[in-house]
Amino acid sequence: MATRPSIIACGTRLAAVAMALKFLLGPAVMAAASLACGLRGKLFRVAFVQAALPQGIVPFVFAKEYNVHPDVFCTGVLFGLIVALPIALAYYFLLAL
């Protein structure tokens, strides 16, 4: 990932889609799954915030190893780490944890 010339290696449009999927759709899917399993209260809110936390480096390693869109994962990991803190804090305060 350090050899990439820019933080957004796959283009701004694809980066925006990746971030929307990670920070909007991810928590929404977690909320639906949590409600389906009967998770309520504080545990539900914690699961929701955890779904908005940044992904680790392992998905990028697998993407690079198997050559499956490593540029998208590189952007997702790098840009996601930068954007994750304000978004996670926003979810944290909105859910009153």
PDB file of N, CA and C in Angstrom:
ATOM      1  N   MET A   1       0.821  -1.187   0.000  1.00  0.00           N
ATOM      2  CA  MET A   1       0.000   0.000   0.000  1.00  0.00           C
ATOM      3  C   MET A   1       0.866   1.253   0.000  1.00  0.00           C
ATOM      4  N   ALA A   2       2.056   1.168   0.550  1.00  0.00           N
ATOM      5  CA  ALA A   2       2.919   2.341   0.608  1.00  0.00           C
ATOM      6  C   ALA A   2       3.451   2.735  -0.763  1.00  0.00           C
ATOM      7  N   THR A   3       3.390   1.840  -1.729  1.00  0.00           N
ATOM      8  CA  THR A   3       3.898   2.157  -3.060  1.00  0.00           C
ATOM      9  C   THR A   3       2.883   2.901  -3.913  1.00  0.00           C
ATOM     10  N   ARG A   4       1.673   3.084  -3.445  1.00  0.00           N
ATOM     11  CA  ARG A   4       0.644   3.795  -4.201  1.00  0.00           C
ATOM     12  C   ARG A   4       0.984   5.276  -4.283  1.00  0.00           C
ATOM     13  N   PRO A   5       0.810   5.890  -5.456  1.00  0.00           N
ATOM     14  CA  PRO A   5       1.142   7.306  -5.594  1.00  0.00           C
ATOM     15  C   PRO A   5       0.172   8.243  -4.873  1.00  0.00           C
ATOM     16  N   SER A   6      -1.054   7.810  -4.653  1.00  0.00           N
ATOM     17  CA  SER A   6      -2.010   8.671  -3.944  1.00  0.00           C
ATOM     18  C   SER A   6      -2.859   7.823  -3.005  1.00  0.00           C
ATOM     19  N   ILE A   7      -3.518   8.508  -2.096  1.00  0.00           N
ATOM     20  CA  ILE A   7      -4.361   7.807  -1.119  1.00  0.00           C
ATOM     21  C   ILE A   7      -5.582   7.203  -1.790  1.00  0.00           C
ATOM     22  N   ILE A   8      -6.115   7.891  -2.797  1.00  0.00           N
ATOM     23  CA  ILE A   8      -7.280   7.394  -3.529  1.00  0.00           C
ATOM     24  C   ILE A   8      -6.767   6.808  -4.839  1.00  0.00           C
ATOM     25  N   ALA A   9      -6.455   5.530  -4.814  1.00  0.00           N
ATOM     26  CA  ALA A   9      -5.805   4.872  -5.949  1.00  0.00           C
ATOM     27  C   ALA A   9      -6.789   4.408  -7.016  1.00  0.00           C
ATOM     28  N   CYS A  10      -8.073   4.359  -6.706  1.00  0.00           N
ATOM     29  CA  CYS A  10      -9.036   3.784  -7.652  1.00  0.00           C
ATOM     30  C   CYS A  10      -9.982   4.818  -8.248  1.00  0.00           C
ATOM     31  N   GLY A  11      -9.793   6.093  -7.958  1.00  0.00           N
ATOM     32  CA  GLY A  11     -10.682   7.131  -8.467  1.00  0.00           C
ATOM     33  C   GLY A  11     -11.654   7.596  -7.400  1.00  0.00           C
ATOM     34  N   THR A  12     -12.070   8.834  -7.498  1.00  0.00           N
ATOM     35  CA  THR A  12     -12.916   9.400  -6.449  1.00  0.00           C
ATOM     36  C   THR A  12     -14.316   8.814  -6.434  1.00  0.00           C
ATOM     37  N   ARG A  13     -14.866   8.504  -7.596  1.00  0.00           N
ATOM     38  CA  ARG A  13     -16.222   7.949  -7.635  1.00  0.00           C
ATOM     39  C   ARG A  13     -16.269   6.575  -6.971  1.00  0.00           C
ATOM     40  N   LEU A  14     -15.326   5.707  -7.305  1.00  0.00           N
ATOM     41  CA  LEU A  14     -15.289   4.371  -6.711  1.00  0.00           C
ATOM     42  C   LEU A  14     -14.961   4.444  -5.223  1.00  0.00           C
ATOM     43  N   ALA A  15     -14.114   5.397  -4.844  1.00  0.00           N
ATOM     44  CA  ALA A  15     -13.805   5.584  -3.428  1.00  0.00           C
ATOM     45  C   ALA A  15     -15.041   6.026  -2.653  1.00  0.00           C
ATOM     46  N   ALA A  16     -15.834   6.915  -3.248  1.00  0.00           N
ATOM     47  CA  ALA A  16     -17.065   7.370  -2.586  1.00  0.00           C
ATOM     48  C   ALA A  16     -18.054   6.227  -2.429  1.00  0.00           C
ATOM     49  N   VAL A  17     -18.168   5.388  -3.444  1.00  0.00           N
ATOM     50  CA  VAL A  17     -19.054   4.216  -3.352  1.00  0.00           C
ATOM     51  C   VAL A  17     -18.564   3.271  -2.265  1.00  0.00           C
ATOM     52  N   ALA A  18     -17.263   3.023  -2.220  1.00  0.00           N
ATOM     53  CA  ALA A  18     -16.703   2.124  -1.202  1.00  0.00           C
ATOM     54  C   ALA A  18     -16.943   2.660   0.204  1.00  0.00           C
ATOM     55  N   MET A  19     -16.764   3.968   0.387  1.00  0.00           N
ATOM     56  CA  MET A  19     -16.977   4.547   1.719  1.00  0.00           C
ATOM     57  C   MET A  19     -18.455   4.542   2.096  1.00  0.00           C
ATOM     58  N   ALA A  20     -19.329   4.787   1.131  1.00  0.00           N
ATOM     59  CA  ALA A  20     -20.771   4.727   1.413  1.00  0.00           C
ATOM     60  C   ALA A  20     -21.177   3.318   1.809  1.00  0.00           C
ATOM     61  N   LEU A  21     -20.648   2.331   1.107  1.00  0.00           N
ATOM     62  CA  LEU A  21     -20.958   0.946   1.467  1.00  0.00           C
ATOM     63  C   LEU A  21     -20.445   0.613   2.857  1.00  0.00           C
ATOM     64  N   LYS A  22     -19.239   1.060   3.169  1.00  0.00           N
ATOM     65  CA  LYS A  22     -18.645   0.729   4.454  1.00  0.00           C
ATOM     66  C   LYS A  22     -19.327   1.444   5.614  1.00  0.00           C
ATOM     67  N   PHE A  23     -19.569   2.734   5.465  1.00  0.00           N
ATOM     68  CA  PHE A  23     -20.037   3.516   6.608  1.00  0.00           C
ATOM     69  C   PHE A  23     -21.542   3.711   6.674  1.00  0.00           C
ATOM     70  N   LEU A  24     -22.278   3.414   5.611  1.00  0.00           N
ATOM     71  CA  LEU A  24     -23.731   3.523   5.640  1.00  0.00           C
ATOM     72  C   LEU A  24     -24.403   2.157   5.535  1.00  0.00           C
ATOM     73  N   LEU A  25     -24.022   1.400   4.520  1.00  0.00           N
ATOM     74  CA  LEU A  25     -24.659   0.100   4.323  1.00  0.00           C
ATOM     75  C   LEU A  25     -24.205  -0.920   5.367  1.00  0.00           C
ATOM     76  N   GLY A  26     -22.940  -0.854   5.765  1.00  0.00           N
ATOM     77  CA  GLY A  26     -22.426  -1.785   6.779  1.00  0.00           C
ATOM     78  C   GLY A  26     -23.201  -1.705   8.092  1.00  0.00           C
ATOM     79  N   PRO A  27     -23.314  -0.510   8.682  1.00  0.00           N
ATOM     80  CA  PRO A  27     -24.115  -0.400   9.898  1.00  0.00           C
ATOM     81  C   PRO A  27     -25.597  -0.739   9.690  1.00  0.00           C
ATOM     82  N   ALA A  28     -26.139  -0.438   8.514  1.00  0.00           N
ATOM     83  CA  ALA A  28     -27.544  -0.779   8.249  1.00  0.00           C
ATOM     84  C   ALA A  28     -27.748  -2.292   8.229  1.00  0.00           C
ATOM     85  N   VAL A  29     -26.823  -3.008   7.609  1.00  0.00           N
ATOM     86  CA  VAL A  29     -26.916  -4.474   7.590  1.00  0.00           C
ATOM     87  C   VAL A  29     -26.742  -5.028   9.005  1.00  0.00           C
ATOM     88  N   MET A  30     -25.814  -4.443   9.765  1.00  0.00           N
ATOM     89  CA  MET A  30     -25.619  -4.878  11.152  1.00  0.00           C
ATOM     90  C   MET A  30     -26.872  -4.617  11.977  1.00  0.00           C
ATOM     91  N   ALA A  31     -27.526  -3.485  11.754  1.00  0.00           N
ATOM     92  CA  ALA A  31     -28.756  -3.181  12.483  1.00  0.00           C
ATOM     93  C   ALA A  31     -29.849  -4.180  12.148  1.00  0.00           C
ATOM     94  N   ALA A  32     -30.000  -4.503  10.874  1.00  0.00           N
ATOM     95  CA  ALA A  32     -31.023  -5.475  10.480  1.00  0.00           C
ATOM     96  C   ALA A  32     -30.739  -6.856  11.057  1.00  0.00           C
ATOM     97  N   ALA A  33     -29.475  -7.268  10.998  1.00  0.00           N
ATOM     98  CA  ALA A  33     -29.117  -8.583  11.547  1.00  0.00           C
ATOM     99  C   ALA A  33     -29.285  -8.611  13.062  1.00  0.00           C
ATOM    100  N   SER A  34     -28.930  -7.517  13.733  1.00  0.00           N
ATOM    101  CA  SER A  34     -29.074  -7.450  15.182  1.00  0.00           C
ATOM    102  C   SER A  34     -30.538  -7.499  15.597  1.00  0.00           C
ATOM    103  N   LEU A  35     -31.373  -6.772  14.879  1.00  0.00           N
ATOM    104  CA  LEU A  35     -32.802  -6.800  15.194  1.00  0.00           C
ATOM    105  C   LEU A  35     -33.403  -8.172  14.914  1.00  0.00           C
ATOM    106  N   ALA A  36     -32.942  -8.811  13.846  1.00  0.00           N
ATOM    107  CA  ALA A  36     -33.448 -10.148  13.517  1.00  0.00           C
ATOM    108  C   ALA A  36     -33.056 -11.170  14.584  1.00  0.00           C
ATOM    109  N   CYS A  37     -31.896 -10.964  15.198  1.00  0.00           N
ATOM    110  CA  CYS A  37     -31.439 -11.880  16.257  1.00  0.00           C
ATOM    111  C   CYS A  37     -31.986 -11.508  17.624  1.00  0.00           C
ATOM    112  N   GLY A  38     -32.678 -10.389  17.705  1.00  0.00           N
ATOM    113  CA  GLY A  38     -33.265  -9.982  18.972  1.00  0.00           C
ATOM    114  C   GLY A  38     -32.350  -9.149  19.849  1.00  0.00           C
ATOM    115  N   LEU A  39     -31.310  -8.591  19.290  1.00  0.00           N
ATOM    116  CA  LEU A  39     -30.388  -7.759  20.051  1.00  0.00           C
ATOM    117  C   LEU A  39     -31.019  -6.388  20.266  1.00  0.00           C
ATOM    118  N   ARG A  40     -31.059  -5.937  21.480  1.00  0.00           N
ATOM    119  CA  ARG A  40     -31.701  -4.666  21.810  1.00  0.00           C
ATOM    120  C   ARG A  40     -30.831  -3.868  22.779  1.00  0.00           C
ATOM    121  N   GLY A  41     -31.157  -2.623  22.953  1.00  0.00           N
ATOM    122  CA  GLY A  41     -30.523  -1.781  23.954  1.00  0.00           C
ATOM    123  C   GLY A  41     -29.084  -1.436  23.642  1.00  0.00           C
ATOM    124  N   LYS A  42     -28.277  -1.431  24.702  1.00  0.00           N
ATOM    125  CA  LYS A  42     -26.889  -1.002  24.578  1.00  0.00           C
ATOM    126  C   LYS A  42     -26.084  -1.924  23.671  1.00  0.00           C
ATOM    127  N   LEU A  43     -26.325  -3.235  23.722  1.00  0.00           N
ATOM    128  CA  LEU A  43     -25.605  -4.168  22.848  1.00  0.00           C
ATOM    129  C   LEU A  43     -25.893  -3.886  21.377  1.00  0.00           C
ATOM    130  N   PHE A  44     -27.129  -3.531  21.069  1.00  0.00           N
ATOM    131  CA  PHE A  44     -27.481  -3.172  19.697  1.00  0.00           C
ATOM    132  C   PHE A  44     -26.704  -1.942  19.247  1.00  0.00           C
ATOM    133  N   ARG A  45     -26.635  -0.929  20.093  1.00  0.00           N
ATOM    134  CA  ARG A  45     -25.923   0.299  19.743  1.00  0.00           C
ATOM    135  C   ARG A  45     -24.424   0.060  19.590  1.00  0.00           C
ATOM    136  N   VAL A  46     -23.851  -0.779  20.443  1.00  0.00           N
ATOM    137  CA  VAL A  46     -22.423  -1.096  20.340  1.00  0.00           C
ATOM    138  C   VAL A  46     -22.138  -1.844  19.041  1.00  0.00           C
ATOM    139  N   ALA A  47     -22.980  -2.796  18.684  1.00  0.00           N
ATOM    140  CA  ALA A  47     -22.805  -3.533  17.426  1.00  0.00           C
ATOM    141  C   ALA A  47     -22.903  -2.597  16.237  1.00  0.00           C
ATOM    142  N   PHE A  48     -23.806  -1.642  16.305  1.00  0.00           N
ATOM    143  CA  PHE A  48     -23.980  -0.674  15.225  1.00  0.00           C
ATOM    144  C   PHE A  48     -22.718   0.164  15.041  1.00  0.00           C
ATOM    145  N   VAL A  49     -22.148   0.657  16.143  1.00  0.00           N
ATOM    146  CA  VAL A  49     -20.932   1.464  16.060  1.00  0.00           C
ATOM    147  C   VAL A  49     -19.755   0.615  15.584  1.00  0.00           C
ATOM    148  N   GLN A  50     -19.675  -0.635  16.034  1.00  0.00           N
ATOM    149  CA  GLN A  50     -18.580  -1.506  15.601  1.00  0.00           C
ATOM    150  C   GLN A  50     -18.627  -1.770  14.101  1.00  0.00           C
ATOM    151  N   ALA A  51     -19.804  -1.783  13.529  1.00  0.00           N
ATOM    152  CA  ALA A  51     -19.919  -1.991  12.087  1.00  0.00           C
ATOM    153  C   ALA A  51     -19.353  -0.817  11.307  1.00  0.00           C
ATOM    154  N   ALA A  52     -19.249   0.348  11.926  1.00  0.00           N
ATOM    155  CA  ALA A  52     -18.706   1.522  11.251  1.00  0.00           C
ATOM    156  C   ALA A  52     -17.201   1.683  11.458  1.00  0.00           C
ATOM    157  N   LEU A  53     -16.593   0.815  12.238  1.00  0.00           N
ATOM    158  CA  LEU A  53     -15.149   0.913  12.456  1.00  0.00           C
ATOM    159  C   LEU A  53     -14.401   0.484  11.199  1.00  0.00           C
ATOM    160  N   PRO A  54     -13.170   0.951  11.034  1.00  0.00           N
ATOM    161  CA  PRO A  54     -12.442   0.659   9.789  1.00  0.00           C
ATOM    162  C   PRO A  54     -12.070  -0.810   9.665  1.00  0.00           C
ATOM    163  N   GLN A  55     -11.959  -1.230   8.416  1.00  0.00           N
ATOM    164  CA  GLN A  55     -11.541  -2.607   8.171  1.00  0.00           C
ATOM    165  C   GLN A  55     -10.051  -2.715   8.406  1.00  0.00           C
ATOM    166  N   GLY A  56      -9.590  -3.917   8.641  1.00  0.00           N
ATOM    167  CA  GLY A  56      -8.172  -4.143   8.878  1.00  0.00           C
ATOM    168  C   GLY A  56      -7.402  -4.273   7.580  1.00  0.00           C
ATOM    169  N   ILE A  57      -6.167  -4.612   7.700  1.00  0.00           N
ATOM    170  CA  ILE A  57      -5.294  -4.738   6.545  1.00  0.00           C
ATOM    171  C   ILE A  57      -5.442  -6.094   5.862  1.00  0.00           C
ATOM    172  N   VAL A  58      -6.003  -7.068   6.539  1.00  0.00           N
ATOM    173  CA  VAL A  58      -6.098  -8.432   5.996  1.00  0.00           C
ATOM    174  C   VAL A  58      -6.885  -8.493   4.682  1.00  0.00           C
ATOM    175  N   PRO A  59      -8.014  -7.790   4.526  1.00  0.00           N
ATOM    176  CA  PRO A  59      -8.696  -7.828   3.231  1.00  0.00           C
ATOM    177  C   PRO A  59      -7.822  -7.335   2.081  1.00  0.00           C
ATOM    178  N   PHE A  60      -6.981  -6.319   2.347  1.00  0.00           N
ATOM    179  CA  PHE A  60      -6.081  -5.842   1.291  1.00  0.00           C
ATOM    180  C   PHE A  60      -5.045  -6.902   0.943  1.00  0.00           C
ATOM    181  N   VAL A  61      -4.519  -7.585   1.943  1.00  0.00           N
ATOM    182  CA  VAL A  61      -3.517  -8.629   1.688  1.00  0.00           C
ATOM    183  C   VAL A  61      -4.115  -9.731   0.816  1.00  0.00           C
ATOM    184  N   PHE A  62      -5.315 -10.159   1.121  1.00  0.00           N
ATOM    185  CA  PHE A  62      -5.968 -11.190   0.304  1.00  0.00           C
ATOM    186  C   PHE A  62      -6.266 -10.666  -1.107  1.00  0.00           C
ATOM    187  N   ALA A  63      -6.712  -9.425  -1.208  1.00  0.00           N
ATOM    188  CA  ALA A  63      -6.995  -8.851  -2.524  1.00  0.00           C
ATOM    189  C   ALA A  63      -5.720  -8.767  -3.360  1.00  0.00           C
ATOM    190  N   LYS A  64      -4.620  -8.392  -2.747  1.00  0.00           N
ATOM    191  CA  LYS A  64      -3.343  -8.309  -3.463  1.00  0.00           C
ATOM    192  C   LYS A  64      -2.849  -9.698  -3.854  1.00  0.00           C
ATOM    193  N   GLU A  65      -2.988 -10.654  -2.945  1.00  0.00           N
ATOM    194  CA  GLU A  65      -2.534 -12.027  -3.205  1.00  0.00           C
ATOM    195  C   GLU A  65      -3.292 -12.664  -4.366  1.00  0.00           C
ATOM    196  N   TYR A  66      -4.598 -12.476  -4.402  1.00  0.00           N
ATOM    197  CA  TYR A  66      -5.429 -13.104  -5.427  1.00  0.00           C
ATOM    198  C   TYR A  66      -5.766 -12.156  -6.580  1.00  0.00           C
ATOM    199  N   ASN A  67      -5.197 -10.952  -6.551  1.00  0.00           N
ATOM    200  CA  ASN A  67      -5.374  -9.952  -7.600  1.00  0.00           C
ATOM    201  C   ASN A  67      -6.847  -9.654  -7.881  1.00  0.00           C
ATOM    202  N   VAL A  68      -7.583  -9.394  -6.819  1.00  0.00           N
ATOM    203  CA  VAL A  68      -9.004  -9.066  -6.910  1.00  0.00           C
ATOM    204  C   VAL A  68      -9.189  -7.624  -6.424  1.00  0.00           C
ATOM    205  N   HIS A  69      -9.105  -6.682  -7.336  1.00  0.00           N
ATOM    206  CA  HIS A  69      -9.292  -5.254  -7.076  1.00  0.00           C
ATOM    207  C   HIS A  69      -8.455  -4.741  -5.896  1.00  0.00           C
ATOM    208  N   PRO A  70      -7.142  -4.925  -5.919  1.00  0.00           N
ATOM    209  CA  PRO A  70      -6.341  -4.428  -4.795  1.00  0.00           C
ATOM    210  C   PRO A  70      -6.373  -2.909  -4.668  1.00  0.00           C
ATOM    211  N   ASP A  71      -6.583  -2.179  -5.782  1.00  0.00           N
ATOM    212  CA  ASP A  71      -6.648  -0.721  -5.696  1.00  0.00           C
ATOM    213  C   ASP A  71      -7.850  -0.257  -4.883  1.00  0.00           C
ATOM    214  N   VAL A  72      -8.972  -0.936  -5.065  1.00  0.00           N
ATOM    215  CA  VAL A  72     -10.173  -0.572  -4.316  1.00  0.00           C
ATOM    216  C   VAL A  72      -9.968  -0.840  -2.827  1.00  0.00           C
ATOM    217  N   PHE A  73      -9.375  -1.984  -2.505  1.00  0.00           N
ATOM    218  CA  PHE A  73      -9.148  -2.303  -1.095  1.00  0.00           C
ATOM    219  C   PHE A  73      -8.100  -1.386  -0.480  1.00  0.00           C
ATOM    220  N   CYS A  74      -7.088  -1.017  -1.269  1.00  0.00           N
ATOM    221  CA  CYS A  74      -6.074  -0.079  -0.779  1.00  0.00           C
ATOM    222  C   CYS A  74      -6.724   1.241  -0.409  1.00  0.00           C
ATOM    223  N   THR A  75      -7.565   1.745  -1.288  1.00  0.00           N
ATOM    224  CA  THR A  75      -8.274   2.993  -1.016  1.00  0.00           C
ATOM    225  C   THR A  75      -9.202   2.825   0.180  1.00  0.00           C
ATOM    226  N   GLY A  76      -9.890   1.697   0.228  1.00  0.00           N
ATOM    227  CA  GLY A  76     -10.802   1.458   1.343  1.00  0.00           C
ATOM    228  C   GLY A  76     -10.108   1.434   2.685  1.00  0.00           C
ATOM    229  N   VAL A  77      -8.943   0.814   2.735  1.00  0.00           N
ATOM    230  CA  VAL A  77      -8.201   0.733   3.995  1.00  0.00           C
ATOM    231  C   VAL A  77      -7.630   2.097   4.375  1.00  0.00           C
ATOM    232  N   LEU A  78      -6.924   2.740   3.447  1.00  0.00           N
ATOM    233  CA  LEU A  78      -6.269   4.011   3.769  1.00  0.00           C
ATOM    234  C   LEU A  78      -7.274   5.132   4.032  1.00  0.00           C
ATOM    235  N   PHE A  79      -8.202   5.322   3.112  1.00  0.00           N
ATOM    236  CA  PHE A  79      -9.181   6.389   3.265  1.00  0.00           C
ATOM    237  C   PHE A  79     -10.147   6.079   4.406  1.00  0.00           C
ATOM    238  N   GLY A  80     -10.458   4.806   4.583  1.00  0.00           N
ATOM    239  CA  GLY A  80     -11.352   4.392   5.660  1.00  0.00           C
ATOM    240  C   GLY A  80     -10.779   4.684   7.030  1.00  0.00           C
ATOM    241  N   LEU A  81      -9.471   4.519   7.184  1.00  0.00           N
ATOM    242  CA  LEU A  81      -8.842   4.829   8.469  1.00  0.00           C
ATOM    243  C   LEU A  81      -8.922   6.320   8.783  1.00  0.00           C
ATOM    244  N   ILE A  82      -8.798   7.136   7.756  1.00  0.00           N
ATOM    245  CA  ILE A  82      -8.851   8.589   7.952  1.00  0.00           C
ATOM    246  C   ILE A  82     -10.267   9.043   8.297  1.00  0.00           C
ATOM    247  N   VAL A  83     -11.248   8.473   7.625  1.00  0.00           N
ATOM    248  CA  VAL A  83     -12.637   8.908   7.766  1.00  0.00           C
ATOM    249  C   VAL A  83     -13.336   8.224   8.946  1.00  0.00           C
ATOM    250  N   ALA A  84     -12.823   7.102   9.395  1.00  0.00           N
ATOM    251  CA  ALA A  84     -13.524   6.286  10.385  1.00  0.00           C
ATOM    252  C   ALA A  84     -13.711   6.979  11.725  1.00  0.00           C
ATOM    253  N   LEU A  85     -12.716   7.698  12.191  1.00  0.00           N
ATOM    254  CA  LEU A  85     -12.827   8.305  13.516  1.00  0.00           C
ATOM    255  C   LEU A  85     -13.972   9.304  13.614  1.00  0.00           C
ATOM    256  N   PRO A  86     -14.084  10.275  12.711  1.00  0.00           N
ATOM    257  CA  PRO A  86     -15.223  11.196  12.835  1.00  0.00           C
ATOM    258  C   PRO A  86     -16.573  10.513  12.659  1.00  0.00           C
ATOM    259  N   ILE A  87     -16.639   9.538  11.768  1.00  0.00           N
ATOM    260  CA  ILE A  87     -17.921   8.851  11.547  1.00  0.00           C
ATOM    261  C   ILE A  87     -18.287   7.990  12.749  1.00  0.00           C
ATOM    262  N   ALA A  88     -17.322   7.266  13.299  1.00  0.00           N
ATOM    263  CA  ALA A  88     -17.599   6.444  14.480  1.00  0.00           C
ATOM    264  C   ALA A  88     -18.003   7.317  15.662  1.00  0.00           C
ATOM    265  N   LEU A  89     -17.349   8.459  15.822  1.00  0.00           N
ATOM    266  CA  LEU A  89     -17.735   9.376  16.893  1.00  0.00           C
ATOM    267  C   LEU A  89     -19.131   9.939  16.678  1.00  0.00           C
ATOM    268  N   ALA A  90     -19.466  10.236  15.435  1.00  0.00           N
ATOM    269  CA  ALA A  90     -20.811  10.735  15.138  1.00  0.00           C
ATOM    270  C   ALA A  90     -21.870   9.685  15.489  1.00  0.00           C
ATOM    271  N   TYR A  91     -21.640   8.437  15.071  1.00  0.00           N
ATOM    272  CA  TYR A  91     -22.572   7.359  15.435  1.00  0.00           C
ATOM    273  C   TYR A  91     -22.638   7.184  16.948  1.00  0.00           C
ATOM    274  N   TYR A  92     -21.492   7.290  17.599  1.00  0.00           N
ATOM    275  CA  TYR A  92     -21.427   7.125  19.048  1.00  0.00           C
ATOM    276  C   TYR A  92     -22.304   8.167  19.751  1.00  0.00           C
ATOM    277  N   PHE A  93     -22.182   9.417  19.326  1.00  0.00           N
ATOM    278  CA  PHE A  93     -22.961  10.466  19.968  1.00  0.00           C
ATOM    279  C   PHE A  93     -24.429  10.435  19.549  1.00  0.00           C
ATOM    280  N   LEU A  94     -24.704  10.069  18.304  1.00  0.00           N
ATOM    281  CA  LEU A  94     -26.095   9.971  17.870  1.00  0.00           C
ATOM    282  C   LEU A  94     -26.860   8.861  18.591  1.00  0.00           C
ATOM    283  N   LEU A  95     -26.156   7.787  18.901  1.00  0.00           N
ATOM    284  CA  LEU A  95     -26.797   6.672  19.603  1.00  0.00           C
ATOM    285  C   LEU A  95     -26.710   6.819  21.123  1.00  0.00           C
ATOM    286  N   ALA A  96     -26.100   7.888  21.592  1.00  0.00           N
ATOM    287  CA  ALA A  96     -26.001   8.204  23.029  1.00  0.00           C
ATOM    288  C   ALA A  96     -25.377   7.061  23.820  1.00  0.00           C
ATOM    289  N   LEU A  97     -24.220   6.614  23.372  1.00  0.00           N
ATOM    290  CA  LEU A  97     -23.520   5.557  24.120  1.00  0.00           C
ATOM    291  C   LEU A  97     -22.740   6.173  25.206  1.00  0.00           C
TER     292      LEU A  97
END
